[in-house]
């Protein structure tokens, strides 16, 4: 599974809280199945799970969920692009985590 497949899963399921929850579950599962990519899947799973947890019992506007899906898709695309280059992967992971932390 390409990382971008997780972003497409969110989009295909309407960008809502349950879509992010489903993507988190898939990414956590993929992390366990692909130990060589566990960190990448875990970072994406954490991002999706955080969105799902944050908005689980709150209304979320389409604008907020669309923006979150676009950011998630961008992160997945960066990871897909860095799959063959370890230095680029570390850089992409650091960039993604820093973006996630900045939004807290």
PDB file of N, CA and C in Angstrom:
ATOM      1  N   UNK A   1       0.852  -1.180   0.000  1.00  0.00           N
ATOM      2  CA  UNK A   1       0.000   0.000   0.000  1.00  0.00           C
ATOM      3  C   UNK A   1       0.895   1.239   0.000  1.00  0.00           C
ATOM      4  N   UNK A   2       0.669   2.111  -0.949  1.00  0.00           N
ATOM      5  CA  UNK A   2       1.375   3.393  -0.964  1.00  0.00           C
ATOM      6  C   UNK A   2       0.790   4.284   0.126  1.00  0.00           C
ATOM      7  N   UNK A   3       1.592   5.166   0.632  1.00  0.00           N
ATOM      8  CA  UNK A   3       1.116   6.078   1.684  1.00  0.00           C
ATOM      9  C   UNK A   3      -0.058   6.912   1.176  1.00  0.00           C
ATOM     10  N   UNK A   4      -0.003   7.278  -0.095  1.00  0.00           N
ATOM     11  CA  UNK A   4      -1.085   8.082  -0.681  1.00  0.00           C
ATOM     12  C   UNK A   4      -2.416   7.333  -0.717  1.00  0.00           C
ATOM     13  N   UNK A   5      -2.368   6.012  -0.669  1.00  0.00           N
ATOM     14  CA  UNK A   5      -3.607   5.233  -0.609  1.00  0.00           C
ATOM     15  C   UNK A   5      -4.400   5.563   0.656  1.00  0.00           C
ATOM     16  N   UNK A   6      -3.707   5.878   1.727  1.00  0.00           N
ATOM     17  CA  UNK A   6      -4.386   6.247   2.974  1.00  0.00           C
ATOM     18  C   UNK A   6      -5.111   7.576   2.813  1.00  0.00           C
ATOM     19  N   UNK A   7      -4.483   8.518   2.130  1.00  0.00           N
ATOM     20  CA  UNK A   7      -5.128   9.810   1.883  1.00  0.00           C
ATOM     21  C   UNK A   7      -6.346   9.625   0.987  1.00  0.00           C
ATOM     22  N   UNK A   8      -6.227   8.739   0.009  1.00  0.00           N
ATOM     23  CA  UNK A   8      -7.356   8.464  -0.878  1.00  0.00           C
ATOM     24  C   UNK A   8      -8.489   7.789  -0.113  1.00  0.00           C
ATOM     25  N   UNK A   9      -8.160   6.948   0.842  1.00  0.00           N
ATOM     26  CA  UNK A   9      -9.163   6.302   1.683  1.00  0.00           C
ATOM     27  C   UNK A   9      -9.989   7.350   2.427  1.00  0.00           C
ATOM     28  N   UNK A  10      -9.319   8.359   2.959  1.00  0.00           N
ATOM     29  CA  UNK A  10     -10.023   9.445   3.654  1.00  0.00           C
ATOM     30  C   UNK A  10     -10.948  10.171   2.677  1.00  0.00           C
ATOM     31  N   UNK A  11     -10.400  10.514   1.529  1.00  0.00           N
ATOM     32  CA  UNK A  11     -11.182  11.243   0.525  1.00  0.00           C
ATOM     33  C   UNK A  11     -12.374  10.423   0.048  1.00  0.00           C
ATOM     34  N   UNK A  12     -12.156   9.149  -0.224  1.00  0.00           N
ATOM     35  CA  UNK A  12     -13.228   8.275  -0.707  1.00  0.00           C
ATOM     36  C   UNK A  12     -14.340   8.095   0.317  1.00  0.00           C
ATOM     37  N   UNK A  13     -14.014   8.318   1.578  1.00  0.00           N
ATOM     38  CA  UNK A  13     -14.994   8.153   2.649  1.00  0.00           C
ATOM     39  C   UNK A  13     -15.509   9.491   3.175  1.00  0.00           C
ATOM     40  N   UNK A  14     -15.350  10.550   2.384  1.00  0.00           N
ATOM     41  CA  UNK A  14     -15.984  11.825   2.672  1.00  0.00           C
ATOM     42  C   UNK A  14     -15.235  12.787   3.563  1.00  0.00           C
ATOM     43  N   UNK A  15     -13.979  12.508   3.884  1.00  0.00           N
ATOM     44  CA  UNK A  15     -13.140  13.420   4.675  1.00  0.00           C
ATOM     45  C   UNK A  15     -13.630  13.644   6.104  1.00  0.00           C
ATOM     46  N   UNK A  16     -14.578  12.874   6.558  1.00  0.00           N
ATOM     47  CA  UNK A  16     -15.116  13.070   7.900  1.00  0.00           C
ATOM     48  C   UNK A  16     -14.321  12.350   8.971  1.00  0.00           C
ATOM     49  N   UNK A  17     -14.795  12.484  10.192  1.00  0.00           N
ATOM     50  CA  UNK A  17     -14.117  11.897  11.348  1.00  0.00           C
ATOM     51  C   UNK A  17     -13.948  10.390  11.173  1.00  0.00           C
ATOM     52  N   UNK A  18     -14.995   9.700  10.744  1.00  0.00           N
ATOM     53  CA  UNK A  18     -14.910   8.238  10.570  1.00  0.00           C
ATOM     54  C   UNK A  18     -13.930   7.864   9.464  1.00  0.00           C
ATOM     55  N   UNK A  19     -13.801   8.701   8.450  1.00  0.00           N
ATOM     56  CA  UNK A  19     -12.828   8.442   7.392  1.00  0.00           C
ATOM     57  C   UNK A  19     -11.403   8.511   7.944  1.00  0.00           C
ATOM     58  N   UNK A  20     -11.139   9.498   8.788  1.00  0.00           N
ATOM     59  CA  UNK A  20      -9.820   9.610   9.411  1.00  0.00           C
ATOM     60  C   UNK A  20      -9.579   8.443  10.362  1.00  0.00           C
ATOM     61  N   UNK A  21     -10.623   8.038  11.062  1.00  0.00           N
ATOM     62  CA  UNK A  21     -10.514   6.896  11.974  1.00  0.00           C
ATOM     63  C   UNK A  21     -10.168   5.625  11.195  1.00  0.00           C
ATOM     64  N   UNK A  22     -10.823   5.442  10.066  1.00  0.00           N
ATOM     65  CA  UNK A  22     -10.563   4.270   9.220  1.00  0.00           C
ATOM     66  C   UNK A  22      -9.123   4.297   8.688  1.00  0.00           C
ATOM     67  N   UNK A  23      -8.666   5.463   8.275  1.00  0.00           N
ATOM     68  CA  UNK A  23      -7.289   5.585   7.779  1.00  0.00           C
ATOM     69  C   UNK A  23      -6.287   5.309   8.893  1.00  0.00           C
ATOM     70  N   UNK A  24      -6.576   5.773  10.093  1.00  0.00           N
ATOM     71  CA  UNK A  24      -5.687   5.508  11.230  1.00  0.00           C
ATOM     72  C   UNK A  24      -5.585   4.011  11.482  1.00  0.00           C
ATOM     73  N   UNK A  25      -6.708   3.333  11.476  1.00  0.00           N
ATOM     74  CA  UNK A  25      -6.711   1.879  11.691  1.00  0.00           C
ATOM     75  C   UNK A  25      -5.892   1.169  10.618  1.00  0.00           C
ATOM     76  N   UNK A  26      -6.090   1.561   9.364  1.00  0.00           N
ATOM     77  CA  UNK A  26      -5.340   0.952   8.258  1.00  0.00           C
ATOM     78  C   UNK A  26      -3.839   1.211   8.398  1.00  0.00           C
ATOM     79  N   UNK A  27      -3.492   2.432   8.771  1.00  0.00           N
ATOM     80  CA  UNK A  27      -2.076   2.786   8.895  1.00  0.00           C
ATOM     81  C   UNK A  27      -1.424   2.068  10.074  1.00  0.00           C
ATOM     82  N   UNK A  28      -2.107   1.973  11.208  1.00  0.00           N
ATOM     83  CA  UNK A  28      -1.559   1.223  12.332  1.00  0.00           C
ATOM     84  C   UNK A  28      -1.361  -0.243  11.946  1.00  0.00           C
ATOM     85  N   UNK A  29      -2.319  -0.803  11.225  1.00  0.00           N
ATOM     86  CA  UNK A  29      -2.215  -2.182  10.762  1.00  0.00           C
ATOM     87  C   UNK A  29      -1.040  -2.345   9.796  1.00  0.00           C
ATOM     88  N   UNK A  30      -0.895  -1.402   8.884  1.00  0.00           N
ATOM     89  CA  UNK A  30       0.213  -1.457   7.922  1.00  0.00           C
ATOM     90  C   UNK A  30       1.563  -1.343   8.623  1.00  0.00           C
ATOM     91  N   UNK A  31       1.627  -0.553   9.684  1.00  0.00           N
ATOM     92  CA  UNK A  31       2.878  -0.422  10.439  1.00  0.00           C
ATOM     93  C   UNK A  31       3.297  -1.773  11.013  1.00  0.00           C
ATOM     94  N   UNK A  32       2.335  -2.530  11.505  1.00  0.00           N
ATOM     95  CA  UNK A  32       2.635  -3.850  12.066  1.00  0.00           C
ATOM     96  C   UNK A  32       3.023  -4.852  10.979  1.00  0.00           C
ATOM     97  N   UNK A  33       2.423  -4.720   9.801  1.00  0.00           N
ATOM     98  CA  UNK A  33       2.683  -5.661   8.710  1.00  0.00           C
ATOM     99  C   UNK A  33       3.979  -5.360   7.955  1.00  0.00           C
ATOM    100  N   UNK A  34       4.410  -4.109   7.992  1.00  0.00           N
ATOM    101  CA  UNK A  34       5.594  -3.677   7.235  1.00  0.00           C
ATOM    102  C   UNK A  34       6.598  -3.013   8.180  1.00  0.00           C
ATOM    103  N   UNK A  35       7.343  -3.817   8.940  1.00  0.00           N
ATOM    104  CA  UNK A  35       8.258  -3.240   9.932  1.00  0.00           C
ATOM    105  C   UNK A  35       9.288  -2.273   9.344  1.00  0.00           C
ATOM    106  N   UNK A  36       9.637  -2.460   8.088  1.00  0.00           N
ATOM    107  CA  UNK A  36      10.603  -1.565   7.451  1.00  0.00           C
ATOM    108  C   UNK A  36      10.013  -0.183   7.165  1.00  0.00           C
ATOM    109  N   UNK A  37       8.689  -0.070   7.242  1.00  0.00           N
ATOM    110  CA  UNK A  37       8.002   1.211   7.025  1.00  0.00           C
ATOM    111  C   UNK A  37       7.156   1.606   8.239  1.00  0.00           C
ATOM    112  N   UNK A  38       7.420   0.985   9.363  1.00  0.00           N
ATOM    113  CA  UNK A  38       6.588   1.180  10.558  1.00  0.00           C
ATOM    114  C   UNK A  38       6.539   2.641  11.002  1.00  0.00           C
ATOM    115  N   UNK A  39       7.665   3.320  10.993  1.00  0.00           N
ATOM    116  CA  UNK A  39       7.687   4.717  11.450  1.00  0.00           C
ATOM    117  C   UNK A  39       6.820   5.589  10.546  1.00  0.00           C
ATOM    118  N   UNK A  40       6.944   5.412   9.247  1.00  0.00           N
ATOM    119  CA  UNK A  40       6.166   6.213   8.317  1.00  0.00           C
ATOM    120  C   UNK A  40       4.665   5.981   8.523  1.00  0.00           C
ATOM    121  N   UNK A  41       4.277   4.718   8.587  1.00  0.00           N
ATOM    122  CA  UNK A  41       2.859   4.421   8.807  1.00  0.00           C
ATOM    123  C   UNK A  41       2.384   4.913  10.167  1.00  0.00           C
ATOM    124  N   UNK A  42       3.237   4.793  11.181  1.00  0.00           N
ATOM    125  CA  UNK A  42       2.856   5.241  12.514  1.00  0.00           C
ATOM    126  C   UNK A  42       2.629   6.749  12.550  1.00  0.00           C
ATOM    127  N   UNK A  43       3.468   7.512  11.881  1.00  0.00           N
ATOM    128  CA  UNK A  43       3.306   8.970  11.843  1.00  0.00           C
ATOM    129  C   UNK A  43       1.975   9.326  11.172  1.00  0.00           C
ATOM    130  N   UNK A  44       1.679   8.696  10.038  1.00  0.00           N
ATOM    131  CA  UNK A  44       0.408   8.979   9.371  1.00  0.00           C
ATOM    132  C   UNK A  44      -0.779   8.501  10.207  1.00  0.00           C
ATOM    133  N   UNK A  45      -0.646   7.343  10.836  1.00  0.00           N
ATOM    134  CA  UNK A  45      -1.717   6.837  11.701  1.00  0.00           C
ATOM    135  C   UNK A  45      -1.975   7.798  12.851  1.00  0.00           C
ATOM    136  N   UNK A  46      -0.918   8.309  13.426  1.00  0.00           N
ATOM    137  CA  UNK A  46      -1.049   9.256  14.538  1.00  0.00           C
ATOM    138  C   UNK A  46      -1.733  10.538  14.095  1.00  0.00           C
ATOM    139  N   UNK A  47      -1.384  11.012  12.909  1.00  0.00           N
ATOM    140  CA  UNK A  47      -2.016  12.227  12.389  1.00  0.00           C
ATOM    141  C   UNK A  47      -3.517  12.010  12.187  1.00  0.00           C
ATOM    142  N   UNK A  48      -3.880  10.900  11.569  1.00  0.00           N
ATOM    143  CA  UNK A  48      -5.294  10.608  11.330  1.00  0.00           C
ATOM    144  C   UNK A  48      -6.043  10.383  12.638  1.00  0.00           C
ATOM    145  N   UNK A  49      -5.429   9.656  13.562  1.00  0.00           N
ATOM    146  CA  UNK A  49      -6.067   9.372  14.853  1.00  0.00           C
ATOM    147  C   UNK A  49      -6.249  10.645  15.663  1.00  0.00           C
ATOM    148  N   UNK A  50      -5.291  11.542  15.585  1.00  0.00           N
ATOM    149  CA  UNK A  50      -5.405  12.806  16.323  1.00  0.00           C
ATOM    150  C   UNK A  50      -6.605  13.616  15.828  1.00  0.00           C
ATOM    151  N   UNK A  51      -6.779  13.677  14.514  1.00  0.00           N
ATOM    152  CA  UNK A  51      -7.939  14.382  13.961  1.00  0.00           C
ATOM    153  C   UNK A  51      -9.227  13.713  14.428  1.00  0.00           C
ATOM    154  N   UNK A  52      -9.267  12.406  14.320  1.00  0.00           N
ATOM    155  CA  UNK A  52     -10.458  11.652  14.722  1.00  0.00           C
ATOM    156  C   UNK A  52     -10.779  11.862  16.200  1.00  0.00           C
ATOM    157  N   UNK A  53      -9.768  11.802  17.040  1.00  0.00           N
ATOM    158  CA  UNK A  53      -9.973  12.003  18.481  1.00  0.00           C
ATOM    159  C   UNK A  53     -10.426  13.423  18.799  1.00  0.00           C
ATOM    160  N   UNK A  54      -9.841  14.389  18.124  1.00  0.00           N
ATOM    161  CA  UNK A  54     -10.154  15.787  18.386  1.00  0.00           C
ATOM    162  C   UNK A  54     -11.601  16.125  18.038  1.00  0.00           C
ATOM    163  N   UNK A  55     -12.090  15.578  16.932  1.00  0.00           N
ATOM    164  CA  UNK A  55     -13.428  15.944  16.460  1.00  0.00           C
ATOM    165  C   UNK A  55     -14.467  14.839  16.652  1.00  0.00           C
ATOM    166  N   UNK A  56     -14.140  13.824  17.428  1.00  0.00           N
ATOM    167  CA  UNK A  56     -15.027  12.682  17.579  1.00  0.00           C
ATOM    168  C   UNK A  56     -16.416  13.064  18.064  1.00  0.00           C
ATOM    169  N   UNK A  57     -16.512  13.941  19.012  1.00  0.00           N
ATOM    170  CA  UNK A  57     -17.816  14.298  19.588  1.00  0.00           C
ATOM    171  C   UNK A  57     -18.160  15.767  19.358  1.00  0.00           C
ATOM    172  N   UNK A  58     -17.494  16.349  18.376  1.00  0.00           N
ATOM    173  CA  UNK A  58     -17.742  17.754  18.063  1.00  0.00           C
ATOM    174  C   UNK A  58     -18.113  17.876  16.591  1.00  0.00           C
ATOM    175  N   UNK A  59     -18.918  18.855  16.282  1.00  0.00           N
ATOM    176  CA  UNK A  59     -19.176  19.077  14.852  1.00  0.00           C
ATOM    177  C   UNK A  59     -17.908  19.606  14.178  1.00  0.00           C
ATOM    178  N   UNK A  60     -17.699  19.178  12.960  1.00  0.00           N
ATOM    179  CA  UNK A  60     -16.536  19.637  12.214  1.00  0.00           C
ATOM    180  C   UNK A  60     -17.032  20.148  10.866  1.00  0.00           C
ATOM    181  N   UNK A  61     -16.541  21.308  10.491  1.00  0.00           N
ATOM    182  CA  UNK A  61     -16.966  21.874   9.214  1.00  0.00           C
ATOM    183  C   UNK A  61     -16.266  21.158   8.054  1.00  0.00           C
ATOM    184  N   UNK A  62     -16.883  21.238   6.906  1.00  0.00           N
ATOM    185  CA  UNK A  62     -16.283  20.648   5.706  1.00  0.00           C
ATOM    186  C   UNK A  62     -14.935  21.298   5.418  1.00  0.00           C
ATOM    187  N   UNK A  63     -14.833  22.567   5.655  1.00  0.00           N
ATOM    188  CA  UNK A  63     -13.573  23.280   5.428  1.00  0.00           C
ATOM    189  C   UNK A  63     -12.448  22.708   6.291  1.00  0.00           C
ATOM    190  N   UNK A  64     -12.742  22.458   7.552  1.00  0.00           N
ATOM    191  CA  UNK A  64     -11.723  21.913   8.461  1.00  0.00           C
ATOM    192  C   UNK A  64     -11.318  20.507   8.024  1.00  0.00           C
ATOM    193  N   UNK A  65     -12.297  19.670   7.727  1.00  0.00           N
ATOM    194  CA  UNK A  65     -11.955  18.291   7.354  1.00  0.00           C
ATOM    195  C   UNK A  65     -11.273  18.239   5.986  1.00  0.00           C
ATOM    196  N   UNK A  66     -11.673  19.085   5.054  1.00  0.00           N
ATOM    197  CA  UNK A  66     -11.009  19.121   3.750  1.00  0.00           C
ATOM    198  C   UNK A  66      -9.561  19.578   3.880  1.00  0.00           C
ATOM    199  N   UNK A  67      -9.332  20.577   4.723  1.00  0.00           N
ATOM    200  CA  UNK A  67      -7.973  21.068   4.947  1.00  0.00           C
ATOM    201  C   UNK A  67      -7.111  19.985   5.586  1.00  0.00           C
ATOM    202  N   UNK A  68      -7.674  19.277   6.546  1.00  0.00           N
ATOM    203  CA  UNK A  68      -6.935  18.201   7.204  1.00  0.00           C
ATOM    204  C   UNK A  68      -6.614  17.082   6.213  1.00  0.00           C
ATOM    205  N   UNK A  69      -7.560  16.759   5.333  1.00  0.00           N
ATOM    206  CA  UNK A  69      -7.316  15.717   4.338  1.00  0.00           C
ATOM    207  C   UNK A  69      -6.231  16.156   3.357  1.00  0.00           C
ATOM    208  N   UNK A  70      -6.261  17.412   2.951  1.00  0.00           N
ATOM    209  CA  UNK A  70      -5.242  17.920   2.027  1.00  0.00           C
ATOM    210  C   UNK A  70      -3.850  17.882   2.665  1.00  0.00           C
ATOM    211  N   UNK A  71      -3.785  18.250   3.940  1.00  0.00           N
ATOM    212  CA  UNK A  71      -2.496  18.203   4.653  1.00  0.00           C
ATOM    213  C   UNK A  71      -2.016  16.758   4.770  1.00  0.00           C
ATOM    214  N   UNK A  72      -2.929  15.861   5.119  1.00  0.00           N
ATOM    215  CA  UNK A  72      -2.590  14.444   5.220  1.00  0.00           C
ATOM    216  C   UNK A  72      -2.096  13.923   3.871  1.00  0.00           C
ATOM    217  N   UNK A  73      -2.797  14.281   2.791  1.00  0.00           N
ATOM    218  CA  UNK A  73      -2.406  13.854   1.449  1.00  0.00           C
ATOM    219  C   UNK A  73      -1.023  14.380   1.085  1.00  0.00           C
ATOM    220  N   UNK A  74      -0.728  15.606   1.471  1.00  0.00           N
ATOM    221  CA  UNK A  74       0.595  16.185   1.222  1.00  0.00           C
ATOM    222  C   UNK A  74       1.668  15.400   1.973  1.00  0.00           C
ATOM    223  N   UNK A  75       1.383  15.051   3.214  1.00  0.00           N
ATOM    224  CA  UNK A  75       2.348  14.275   4.002  1.00  0.00           C
ATOM    225  C   UNK A  75       2.566  12.901   3.377  1.00  0.00           C
ATOM    226  N   UNK A  76       1.492  12.256   2.960  1.00  0.00           N
ATOM    227  CA  UNK A  76       1.603  10.946   2.329  1.00  0.00           C
ATOM    228  C   UNK A  76       2.407  11.033   1.032  1.00  0.00           C
ATOM    229  N   UNK A  77       2.170  12.080   0.270  1.00  0.00           N
ATOM    230  CA  UNK A  77       2.905  12.278  -0.991  1.00  0.00           C
ATOM    231  C   UNK A  77       4.397  12.461  -0.730  1.00  0.00           C
ATOM    232  N   UNK A  78       4.734  13.217   0.307  1.00  0.00           N
ATOM    233  CA  UNK A  78       6.153  13.408   0.658  1.00  0.00           C
ATOM    234  C   UNK A  78       6.804  12.079   1.016  1.00  0.00           C
ATOM    235  N   UNK A  79       6.082  11.250   1.749  1.00  0.00           N
ATOM    236  CA  UNK A  79       6.632   9.947   2.129  1.00  0.00           C
ATOM    237  C   UNK A  79       6.761   9.033   0.912  1.00  0.00           C
ATOM    238  N   UNK A  80       5.774   9.051   0.034  1.00  0.00           N
ATOM    239  CA  UNK A  80       5.868   8.255  -1.198  1.00  0.00           C
ATOM    240  C   UNK A  80       7.088   8.673  -2.018  1.00  0.00           C
ATOM    241  N   UNK A  81       7.325   9.969  -2.103  1.00  0.00           N
ATOM    242  CA  UNK A  81       8.440  10.477  -2.908  1.00  0.00           C
ATOM    243  C   UNK A  81       9.799  10.129  -2.317  1.00  0.00           C
ATOM    244  N   UNK A  82       9.831   9.871  -1.020  1.00  0.00           N
ATOM    245  CA  UNK A  82      11.103   9.630  -0.342  1.00  0.00           C
ATOM    246  C   UNK A  82      11.387   8.151  -0.091  1.00  0.00           C
ATOM    247  N   UNK A  83      10.571   7.276  -0.593  1.00  0.00           N
ATOM    248  CA  UNK A  83      10.681   5.846  -0.266  1.00  0.00           C
ATOM    249  C   UNK A  83      12.052   5.250  -0.586  1.00  0.00           C
ATOM    250  N   UNK A  84      12.667   5.666  -1.652  1.00  0.00           N
ATOM    251  CA  UNK A  84      13.943   5.075  -2.070  1.00  0.00           C
ATOM    252  C   UNK A  84      15.180   5.784  -1.516  1.00  0.00           C
ATOM    253  N   UNK A  85      15.004   6.898  -0.845  1.00  0.00           N
ATOM    254  CA  UNK A  85      16.148   7.698  -0.368  1.00  0.00           C
ATOM    255  C   UNK A  85      16.018   7.901   1.140  1.00  0.00           C
ATOM    256  N   UNK A  86      16.868   7.198   1.896  1.00  0.00           N
ATOM    257  CA  UNK A  86      16.764   7.237   3.361  1.00  0.00           C
ATOM    258  C   UNK A  86      16.956   8.639   3.936  1.00  0.00           C
ATOM    259  N   UNK A  87      17.895   9.389   3.402  1.00  0.00           N
ATOM    260  CA  UNK A  87      18.112  10.750   3.902  1.00  0.00           C
ATOM    261  C   UNK A  87      16.896  11.629   3.632  1.00  0.00           C
ATOM    262  N   UNK A  88      16.317  11.490   2.458  1.00  0.00           N
ATOM    263  CA  UNK A  88      15.118  12.254   2.115  1.00  0.00           C
ATOM    264  C   UNK A  88      13.942  11.822   2.995  1.00  0.00           C
ATOM    265  N   UNK A  89      13.881  10.521   3.332  1.00  0.00           N
ATOM    266  CA  UNK A  89      12.807  10.021   4.187  1.00  0.00           C
ATOM    267  C   UNK A  89      12.906  10.623   5.584  1.00  0.00           C
ATOM    268  N   UNK A  90      14.099  10.655   6.136  1.00  0.00           N
ATOM    269  CA  UNK A  90      14.298  11.246   7.466  1.00  0.00           C
ATOM    270  C   UNK A  90      13.902  12.718   7.435  1.00  0.00           C
ATOM    271  N   UNK A  91      14.307  13.402   6.400  1.00  0.00           N
ATOM    272  CA  UNK A  91      13.958  14.813   6.259  1.00  0.00           C
ATOM    273  C   UNK A  91      12.444  14.995   6.160  1.00  0.00           C
ATOM    274  N   UNK A  92      11.783  14.158   5.360  1.00  0.00           N
ATOM    275  CA  UNK A  92      10.327  14.248   5.209  1.00  0.00           C
ATOM    276  C   UNK A  92       9.628  13.958   6.533  1.00  0.00           C
ATOM    277  N   UNK A  93      10.069  12.938   7.241  1.00  0.00           N
ATOM    278  CA  UNK A  93       9.463  12.612   8.535  1.00  0.00           C
ATOM    279  C   UNK A  93       9.631  13.757   9.526  1.00  0.00           C
ATOM    280  N   UNK A  94      10.818  14.326   9.582  1.00  0.00           N
ATOM    281  CA  UNK A  94      11.054  15.462  10.483  1.00  0.00           C
ATOM    282  C   UNK A  94      10.153  16.638  10.136  1.00  0.00           C
ATOM    283  N   UNK A  95      10.041  16.926   8.865  1.00  0.00           N
ATOM    284  CA  UNK A  95       9.190  18.033   8.411  1.00  0.00           C
ATOM    285  C   UNK A  95       7.726  17.789   8.788  1.00  0.00           C
ATOM    286  N   UNK A  96       7.247  16.583   8.573  1.00  0.00           N
ATOM    287  CA  UNK A  96       5.856  16.239   8.888  1.00  0.00           C
ATOM    288  C   UNK A  96       5.596  16.362  10.384  1.00  0.00           C
ATOM    289  N   UNK A  97       6.476  15.804  11.183  1.00  0.00           N
ATOM    290  CA  UNK A  97       6.286  15.859  12.636  1.00  0.00           C
ATOM    291  C   UNK A  97       6.328  17.299  13.139  1.00  0.00           C
ATOM    292  N   UNK A  98       7.227  18.100  12.612  1.00  0.00           N
ATOM    293  CA  UNK A  98       7.288  19.505  13.027  1.00  0.00           C
ATOM    294  C   UNK A  98       6.000  20.249  12.653  1.00  0.00           C
ATOM    295  N   UNK A  99       5.443  19.944  11.478  1.00  0.00           N
ATOM    296  CA  UNK A  99       4.157  20.560  11.093  1.00  0.00           C
ATOM    297  C   UNK A  99       3.048  20.143  12.054  1.00  0.00           C
ATOM    298  N   UNK A 100       3.049  18.858  12.405  1.00  0.00           N
ATOM    299  CA  UNK A 100       2.022  18.365  13.339  1.00  0.00           C
ATOM    300  C   UNK A 100       2.164  19.036  14.709  1.00  0.00           C
ATOM    301  N   UNK A 101       3.380  19.192  15.165  1.00  0.00           N
ATOM    302  CA  UNK A 101       3.609  19.826  16.458  1.00  0.00           C
ATOM    303  C   UNK A 101       3.240  21.303  16.440  1.00  0.00           C
ATOM    304  N   UNK A 102       3.474  21.955  15.328  1.00  0.00           N
ATOM    305  CA  UNK A 102       3.174  23.387  15.227  1.00  0.00           C
ATOM    306  C   UNK A 102       1.677  23.667  15.346  1.00  0.00           C
ATOM    307  N   UNK A 103       0.868  22.691  15.013  1.00  0.00           N
ATOM    308  CA  UNK A 103      -0.582  22.886  15.060  1.00  0.00           C
ATOM    309  C   UNK A 103      -1.185  22.605  16.426  1.00  0.00           C
ATOM    310  N   UNK A 104      -0.386  22.227  17.353  1.00  0.00           N
ATOM    311  CA  UNK A 104      -0.891  21.940  18.716  1.00  0.00           C
ATOM    312  C   UNK A 104      -1.043  23.203  19.497  1.00  0.00           C
TER     313      UNK A 104
END
